[in-house]
Amino acid sequence: MLKDYFPLLVLIAVVVGFVVFNLVFSAIVGKSRRSRGKGSTYESGMRSPSDPARGRFSVKFFLVAVLFILFDIESVFLLPWGLNLKALSFHRLADGTLAATGNGPFLLAEMLTFLGILVLGFLYVWKKGGLEWD
């Protein structure tokens, strides 16, 4: 059973090793410059602790953020499709023509439909000016 989880354990070990290496390397090599501004409690851009905690954002900011998340999540659906594309195999018939076997034609039609709807939505948002950042 442990054999099934070995690739996952290797991935976790590589990720943890990468994080530890970057933290140690940046602490050793990185320059530490002390300044009055960095020593201040409110170096994050606030002028004083009495400023309001929440500033106003334009609706365009939220629209672009939501559209980014929408298209980003939809692009994640391409990964399983790409991994299952091996099911699309061709074989040569006796008359020399190629014929698709397996679920390949169905997967291809499904993904082309999905990408077509995605492109139509993108073009609609682009035409309406939803991606304009003023």
N, C-alpha and C. Protein backbone atom coordinates (compact mmCIF):
# COMPACT_ATOMS: atom_id res chain seq x y z
N MET A 1 0.82 -1.19 0.00
CA MET A 1 0.00 0.00 0.00
C MET A 1 0.87 1.26 0.00
N LEU A 2 1.98 1.21 0.71
CA LEU A 2 2.88 2.36 0.74
C LEU A 2 3.47 2.64 -0.64
N LYS A 3 3.56 1.58 -1.45
CA LYS A 3 4.09 1.72 -2.80
C LYS A 3 3.22 2.66 -3.64
N ASP A 4 1.91 2.67 -3.40
CA ASP A 4 1.00 3.53 -4.15
C ASP A 4 1.20 5.00 -3.80
N TYR A 5 1.59 5.28 -2.56
CA TYR A 5 1.76 6.65 -2.11
C TYR A 5 3.19 7.17 -2.25
N PHE A 6 4.09 6.35 -2.73
CA PHE A 6 5.48 6.75 -2.84
C PHE A 6 5.67 7.99 -3.72
N PRO A 7 5.06 8.10 -4.90
CA PRO A 7 5.23 9.33 -5.69
C PRO A 7 4.73 10.58 -4.96
N LEU A 8 3.65 10.45 -4.22
CA LEU A 8 3.14 11.59 -3.45
C LEU A 8 4.13 11.98 -2.35
N LEU A 9 4.70 11.00 -1.67
CA LEU A 9 5.69 11.28 -0.63
C LEU A 9 6.94 11.93 -1.21
N VAL A 10 7.35 11.48 -2.39
CA VAL A 10 8.51 12.10 -3.05
C VAL A 10 8.19 13.55 -3.40
N LEU A 11 7.00 13.81 -3.91
CA LEU A 11 6.60 15.18 -4.24
C LEU A 11 6.59 16.07 -3.01
N ILE A 12 6.03 15.58 -1.91
CA ILE A 12 6.01 16.35 -0.67
C ILE A 12 7.43 16.62 -0.18
N ALA A 13 8.31 15.63 -0.26
CA ALA A 13 9.70 15.82 0.16
C ALA A 13 10.40 16.86 -0.71
N VAL A 14 10.16 16.82 -2.01
CA VAL A 14 10.78 17.80 -2.91
C VAL A 14 10.27 19.21 -2.60
N VAL A 15 8.98 19.35 -2.36
CA VAL A 15 8.41 20.66 -2.05
C VAL A 15 8.95 21.21 -0.74
N VAL A 16 8.97 20.38 0.30
CA VAL A 16 9.50 20.82 1.59
C VAL A 16 10.99 21.17 1.46
N GLY A 17 11.73 20.35 0.75
CA GLY A 17 13.16 20.64 0.53
C GLY A 17 13.36 21.94 -0.21
N PHE A 18 12.53 22.20 -1.21
CA PHE A 18 12.63 23.44 -1.98
C PHE A 18 12.36 24.66 -1.09
N VAL A 19 11.34 24.56 -0.24
CA VAL A 19 10.99 25.66 0.65
C VAL A 19 12.11 25.92 1.64
N VAL A 20 12.61 24.86 2.28
CA VAL A 20 13.69 25.02 3.26
C VAL A 20 14.93 25.58 2.59
N PHE A 21 15.28 25.08 1.42
CA PHE A 21 16.45 25.59 0.70
C PHE A 21 16.30 27.08 0.40
N ASN A 22 15.13 27.50 -0.09
CA ASN A 22 14.94 28.92 -0.42
C ASN A 22 14.99 29.81 0.81
N LEU A 23 14.42 29.36 1.92
CA LEU A 23 14.47 30.16 3.15
C LEU A 23 15.90 30.30 3.67
N VAL A 24 16.63 29.19 3.70
CA VAL A 24 18.01 29.24 4.19
C VAL A 24 18.89 30.04 3.24
N PHE A 25 18.74 29.82 1.95
CA PHE A 25 19.56 30.52 0.96
C PHE A 25 19.31 32.03 0.99
N SER A 26 18.05 32.44 1.11
CA SER A 26 17.77 33.87 1.15
C SER A 26 18.25 34.50 2.45
N ALA A 27 18.24 33.76 3.55
CA ALA A 27 18.75 34.29 4.81
C ALA A 27 20.27 34.46 4.77
N ILE A 28 20.95 33.56 4.08
CA ILE A 28 22.40 33.64 4.01
C ILE A 28 22.86 34.68 3.00
N VAL A 29 22.28 34.66 1.83
CA VAL A 29 22.75 35.51 0.73
C VAL A 29 22.07 36.89 0.73
N GLY A 30 20.84 36.97 1.20
CA GLY A 30 20.09 38.22 1.12
C GLY A 30 20.70 39.33 1.94
N LYS A 31 20.52 40.56 1.45
CA LYS A 31 21.03 41.73 2.14
C LYS A 31 19.97 42.22 3.12
N SER A 32 20.42 42.58 4.30
CA SER A 32 19.51 43.12 5.30
C SER A 32 19.84 44.59 5.50
N ARG A 33 19.00 45.45 5.00
CA ARG A 33 19.22 46.88 5.13
C ARG A 33 18.21 47.45 6.11
N ARG A 34 18.69 47.98 7.18
CA ARG A 34 17.82 48.61 8.16
C ARG A 34 17.59 50.06 7.75
N SER A 35 16.37 50.51 7.89
CA SER A 35 16.05 51.91 7.63
C SER A 35 14.94 52.33 8.58
N ARG A 36 14.74 53.63 8.68
CA ARG A 36 13.71 54.15 9.58
C ARG A 36 12.32 53.70 9.11
N GLY A 37 12.10 53.69 7.80
CA GLY A 37 10.81 53.28 7.27
C GLY A 37 10.51 51.82 7.51
N LYS A 38 11.54 50.96 7.38
CA LYS A 38 11.32 49.53 7.60
C LYS A 38 11.09 49.22 9.07
N GLY A 39 11.66 50.03 9.94
CA GLY A 39 11.47 49.83 11.36
C GLY A 39 10.12 50.31 11.85
N SER A 40 9.44 51.07 11.01
CA SER A 40 8.14 51.61 11.40
C SER A 40 7.09 50.50 11.43
N THR A 41 6.12 50.66 12.30
CA THR A 41 5.07 49.66 12.43
C THR A 41 4.19 49.62 11.19
N TYR A 42 3.99 50.79 10.56
CA TYR A 42 3.05 50.88 9.45
C TYR A 42 3.80 51.14 8.15
N GLU A 43 4.68 50.23 7.77
CA GLU A 43 5.41 50.40 6.53
C GLU A 43 4.60 49.97 5.32
N SER A 44 3.40 49.45 5.53
CA SER A 44 2.62 48.88 4.44
C SER A 44 1.88 49.92 3.61
N GLY A 45 2.13 51.20 3.83
CA GLY A 45 1.49 52.23 3.04
C GLY A 45 0.49 53.05 3.82
N MET A 46 0.13 52.60 4.99
CA MET A 46 -0.78 53.38 5.82
C MET A 46 0.00 54.55 6.42
N ARG A 47 -0.59 55.71 6.42
CA ARG A 47 0.10 56.87 6.96
C ARG A 47 0.10 56.85 8.49
N SER A 48 -0.97 56.37 9.04
CA SER A 48 -1.06 56.31 10.49
C SER A 48 -2.07 55.23 10.87
N PRO A 49 -2.04 54.82 12.13
CA PRO A 49 -2.99 53.78 12.54
C PRO A 49 -4.43 54.27 12.59
N SER A 50 -4.64 55.57 12.46
CA SER A 50 -6.01 56.09 12.53
C SER A 50 -6.69 56.13 11.16
N ASP A 51 -5.97 55.81 10.09
CA ASP A 51 -6.59 55.77 8.76
C ASP A 51 -7.62 54.64 8.71
N PRO A 52 -8.65 54.78 7.87
CA PRO A 52 -9.64 53.69 7.77
C PRO A 52 -8.98 52.42 7.23
N ALA A 53 -9.42 51.31 7.75
CA ALA A 53 -8.82 50.02 7.38
C ALA A 53 -9.20 49.59 5.97
N ARG A 54 -10.34 50.02 5.50
CA ARG A 54 -10.80 49.59 4.18
C ARG A 54 -10.90 50.78 3.24
N GLY A 55 -10.19 50.67 2.13
CA GLY A 55 -10.28 51.70 1.11
C GLY A 55 -11.32 51.33 0.08
N ARG A 56 -11.66 52.27 -0.76
CA ARG A 56 -12.65 52.00 -1.82
C ARG A 56 -11.93 51.50 -3.07
N PHE A 57 -12.50 50.48 -3.66
CA PHE A 57 -11.99 49.94 -4.91
C PHE A 57 -13.04 50.15 -5.98
N SER A 58 -12.56 50.31 -7.19
CA SER A 58 -13.47 50.43 -8.33
C SER A 58 -14.14 49.09 -8.60
N VAL A 59 -15.34 49.13 -9.15
CA VAL A 59 -16.05 47.91 -9.51
C VAL A 59 -15.27 47.16 -10.59
N LYS A 60 -14.55 47.90 -11.43
CA LYS A 60 -13.74 47.27 -12.49
C LYS A 60 -12.71 46.31 -11.89
N PHE A 61 -12.15 46.70 -10.74
CA PHE A 61 -11.17 45.84 -10.08
C PHE A 61 -11.79 44.49 -9.76
N PHE A 62 -12.98 44.50 -9.17
CA PHE A 62 -13.64 43.25 -8.80
C PHE A 62 -14.08 42.46 -10.03
N LEU A 63 -14.49 43.15 -11.08
CA LEU A 63 -14.89 42.47 -12.30
C LEU A 63 -13.71 41.73 -12.93
N VAL A 64 -12.57 42.40 -13.00
CA VAL A 64 -11.38 41.77 -13.57
C VAL A 64 -10.95 40.60 -12.68
N ALA A 65 -11.03 40.77 -11.36
CA ALA A 65 -10.64 39.69 -10.45
C ALA A 65 -11.55 38.47 -10.62
N VAL A 66 -12.84 38.68 -10.71
CA VAL A 66 -13.78 37.57 -10.86
C VAL A 66 -13.58 36.90 -12.22
N LEU A 67 -13.36 37.68 -13.26
CA LEU A 67 -13.13 37.08 -14.58
C LEU A 67 -11.83 36.28 -14.61
N PHE A 68 -10.80 36.79 -13.93
CA PHE A 68 -9.55 36.04 -13.87
C PHE A 68 -9.77 34.69 -13.19
N ILE A 69 -10.46 34.70 -12.06
CA ILE A 69 -10.72 33.45 -11.35
C ILE A 69 -11.56 32.51 -12.20
N LEU A 70 -12.56 33.04 -12.88
CA LEU A 70 -13.42 32.21 -13.72
C LEU A 70 -12.62 31.52 -14.82
N PHE A 71 -11.84 32.29 -15.57
CA PHE A 71 -11.08 31.69 -16.67
C PHE A 71 -9.95 30.81 -16.15
N ASP A 72 -9.40 31.13 -14.99
CA ASP A 72 -8.35 30.32 -14.41
C ASP A 72 -8.89 28.96 -14.00
N ILE A 73 -10.04 28.94 -13.36
CA ILE A 73 -10.63 27.67 -12.94
C ILE A 73 -11.04 26.85 -14.15
N GLU A 74 -11.56 27.50 -15.17
CA GLU A 74 -11.95 26.75 -16.36
C GLU A 74 -10.74 26.15 -17.06
N SER A 75 -9.62 26.83 -17.00
CA SER A 75 -8.42 26.28 -17.65
C SER A 75 -7.91 25.05 -16.91
N VAL A 76 -8.24 24.90 -15.63
CA VAL A 76 -7.82 23.72 -14.86
C VAL A 76 -8.48 22.46 -15.43
N PHE A 77 -9.65 22.60 -16.04
CA PHE A 77 -10.33 21.44 -16.60
C PHE A 77 -9.60 20.89 -17.82
N LEU A 78 -8.64 21.62 -18.35
CA LEU A 78 -7.88 21.12 -19.49
C LEU A 78 -6.88 20.03 -19.09
N LEU A 79 -6.43 20.04 -17.84
CA LEU A 79 -5.43 19.08 -17.39
C LEU A 79 -5.96 17.64 -17.41
N PRO A 80 -7.10 17.35 -16.79
CA PRO A 80 -7.57 15.96 -16.86
C PRO A 80 -7.87 15.51 -18.30
N TRP A 81 -8.34 16.45 -19.10
CA TRP A 81 -8.60 16.10 -20.49
C TRP A 81 -7.30 15.72 -21.19
N GLY A 82 -6.27 16.50 -20.96
CA GLY A 82 -4.98 16.20 -21.59
C GLY A 82 -4.41 14.88 -21.12
N LEU A 83 -4.61 14.56 -19.84
CA LEU A 83 -4.11 13.29 -19.32
C LEU A 83 -4.89 12.10 -19.88
N ASN A 84 -6.17 12.30 -20.14
CA ASN A 84 -6.99 11.21 -20.68
C ASN A 84 -7.00 11.16 -22.19
N LEU A 85 -6.25 12.00 -22.81
CA LEU A 85 -6.23 12.04 -24.28
C LEU A 85 -5.57 10.79 -24.87
N LYS A 86 -4.86 10.04 -24.03
CA LYS A 86 -4.26 8.79 -24.51
C LYS A 86 -5.33 7.81 -25.00
N ALA A 87 -6.54 8.01 -24.48
CA ALA A 87 -7.63 7.13 -24.91
C ALA A 87 -7.95 7.33 -26.39
N LEU A 88 -7.50 8.45 -26.95
CA LEU A 88 -7.73 8.70 -28.37
C LEU A 88 -6.62 8.01 -29.16
N SER A 89 -6.94 6.89 -29.69
CA SER A 89 -5.96 6.15 -30.46
C SER A 89 -6.53 5.87 -31.86
N PHE A 90 -5.66 5.82 -32.79
CA PHE A 90 -6.06 5.56 -34.17
C PHE A 90 -5.46 4.24 -34.63
N HIS A 91 -6.18 3.59 -35.47
CA HIS A 91 -5.62 2.40 -36.11
C HIS A 91 -5.96 2.45 -37.60
N ARG A 92 -5.11 1.85 -38.38
CA ARG A 92 -5.28 1.87 -39.84
C ARG A 92 -6.15 0.69 -40.25
N LEU A 93 -7.19 1.01 -41.01
CA LEU A 93 -8.10 -0.03 -41.52
C LEU A 93 -7.48 -0.69 -42.74
N ALA A 94 -8.14 -1.73 -43.20
CA ALA A 94 -7.62 -2.49 -44.34
C ALA A 94 -7.54 -1.63 -45.60
N ASP A 95 -8.46 -0.66 -45.73
CA ASP A 95 -8.42 0.18 -46.94
C ASP A 95 -7.44 1.36 -46.81
N GLY A 96 -6.69 1.42 -45.70
CA GLY A 96 -5.67 2.46 -45.54
C GLY A 96 -6.14 3.71 -44.80
N THR A 97 -7.41 3.79 -44.48
CA THR A 97 -7.89 4.96 -43.76
C THR A 97 -7.68 4.79 -42.26
N LEU A 98 -7.63 5.93 -41.54
CA LEU A 98 -7.47 5.90 -40.10
C LEU A 98 -8.83 5.95 -39.42
N ALA A 99 -9.00 5.15 -38.39
CA ALA A 99 -10.25 5.14 -37.62
C ALA A 99 -9.92 5.35 -36.15
N ALA A 100 -10.71 6.19 -35.48
CA ALA A 100 -10.50 6.45 -34.06
C ALA A 100 -11.18 5.36 -33.25
N THR A 101 -10.52 4.97 -32.17
CA THR A 101 -11.10 3.98 -31.28
C THR A 101 -11.15 4.54 -29.87
N GLY A 102 -11.86 3.90 -28.98
CA GLY A 102 -11.93 4.33 -27.58
C GLY A 102 -12.83 5.54 -27.41
N ASN A 103 -12.60 6.28 -26.34
CA ASN A 103 -13.41 7.46 -26.02
C ASN A 103 -12.87 8.72 -26.67
N GLY A 104 -11.85 8.60 -27.48
CA GLY A 104 -11.20 9.76 -28.06
C GLY A 104 -12.11 10.73 -28.78
N PRO A 105 -12.93 10.28 -29.71
CA PRO A 105 -13.80 11.22 -30.42
C PRO A 105 -14.78 11.93 -29.48
N PHE A 106 -15.30 11.21 -28.50
CA PHE A 106 -16.21 11.83 -27.53
C PHE A 106 -15.49 12.88 -26.70
N LEU A 107 -14.28 12.55 -26.21
CA LEU A 107 -13.50 13.50 -25.42
C LEU A 107 -13.15 14.74 -26.24
N LEU A 108 -12.79 14.52 -27.48
CA LEU A 108 -12.44 15.65 -28.34
C LEU A 108 -13.64 16.54 -28.59
N ALA A 109 -14.79 15.96 -28.85
CA ALA A 109 -16.00 16.76 -29.08
C ALA A 109 -16.40 17.51 -27.82
N GLU A 110 -16.31 16.87 -26.67
CA GLU A 110 -16.65 17.53 -25.41
C GLU A 110 -15.73 18.71 -25.15
N MET A 111 -14.43 18.53 -25.36
CA MET A 111 -13.49 19.61 -25.07
C MET A 111 -13.61 20.73 -26.09
N LEU A 112 -13.86 20.42 -27.32
CA LEU A 112 -14.07 21.48 -28.32
C LEU A 112 -15.32 22.29 -28.00
N THR A 113 -16.38 21.62 -27.52
CA THR A 113 -17.58 22.33 -27.09
C THR A 113 -17.27 23.23 -25.90
N PHE A 114 -16.57 22.70 -24.93
CA PHE A 114 -16.20 23.46 -23.74
C PHE A 114 -15.35 24.68 -24.11
N LEU A 115 -14.34 24.47 -24.94
CA LEU A 115 -13.48 25.59 -25.35
C LEU A 115 -14.23 26.59 -26.21
N GLY A 116 -15.18 26.13 -27.02
CA GLY A 116 -15.98 27.05 -27.81
C GLY A 116 -16.83 27.96 -26.93
N ILE A 117 -17.47 27.39 -25.91
CA ILE A 117 -18.24 28.20 -24.97
C ILE A 117 -17.33 29.16 -24.22
N LEU A 118 -16.16 28.70 -23.84
CA LEU A 118 -15.19 29.55 -23.14
C LEU A 118 -14.74 30.71 -24.01
N VAL A 119 -14.47 30.45 -25.27
CA VAL A 119 -14.04 31.51 -26.19
C VAL A 119 -15.19 32.49 -26.44
N LEU A 120 -16.40 32.00 -26.58
CA LEU A 120 -17.55 32.89 -26.77
C LEU A 120 -17.74 33.81 -25.55
N GLY A 121 -17.60 33.26 -24.36
CA GLY A 121 -17.70 34.07 -23.15
C GLY A 121 -16.59 35.10 -23.07
N PHE A 122 -15.38 34.70 -23.44
CA PHE A 122 -14.25 35.63 -23.44
C PHE A 122 -14.47 36.75 -24.44
N LEU A 123 -14.93 36.42 -25.64
CA LEU A 123 -15.18 37.45 -26.64
C LEU A 123 -16.30 38.40 -26.21
N TYR A 124 -17.32 37.87 -25.55
CA TYR A 124 -18.41 38.71 -25.05
C TYR A 124 -17.89 39.71 -24.02
N VAL A 125 -17.11 39.21 -23.08
CA VAL A 125 -16.56 40.09 -22.04
C VAL A 125 -15.63 41.12 -22.65
N TRP A 126 -14.83 40.70 -23.62
CA TRP A 126 -13.89 41.62 -24.27
C TRP A 126 -14.65 42.71 -25.02
N LYS A 127 -15.70 42.32 -25.75
CA LYS A 127 -16.48 43.29 -26.53
C LYS A 127 -17.20 44.28 -25.61
N LYS A 128 -17.68 43.82 -24.47
CA LYS A 128 -18.38 44.69 -23.51
C LYS A 128 -17.42 45.60 -22.74
N GLY A 129 -16.11 45.40 -22.91
CA GLY A 129 -15.13 46.24 -22.21
C GLY A 129 -14.85 45.80 -20.79
N GLY A 130 -15.16 44.56 -20.46
CA GLY A 130 -14.94 44.08 -19.11
C GLY A 130 -13.48 43.89 -18.76
N LEU A 131 -12.61 43.85 -19.75
CA LEU A 131 -11.18 43.68 -19.49
C LEU A 131 -10.41 44.98 -19.56
N GLU A 132 -11.09 46.09 -19.76
CA GLU A 132 -10.43 47.40 -19.81
C GLU A 132 -10.08 47.83 -18.39
N TRP A 133 -8.86 48.22 -18.18
CA TRP A 133 -8.41 48.68 -16.87
C TRP A 133 -8.08 50.15 -16.97
N ASP A 134 -8.93 50.98 -16.35
CA ASP A 134 -8.72 52.43 -16.42
C ASP A 134 -8.08 52.96 -15.18
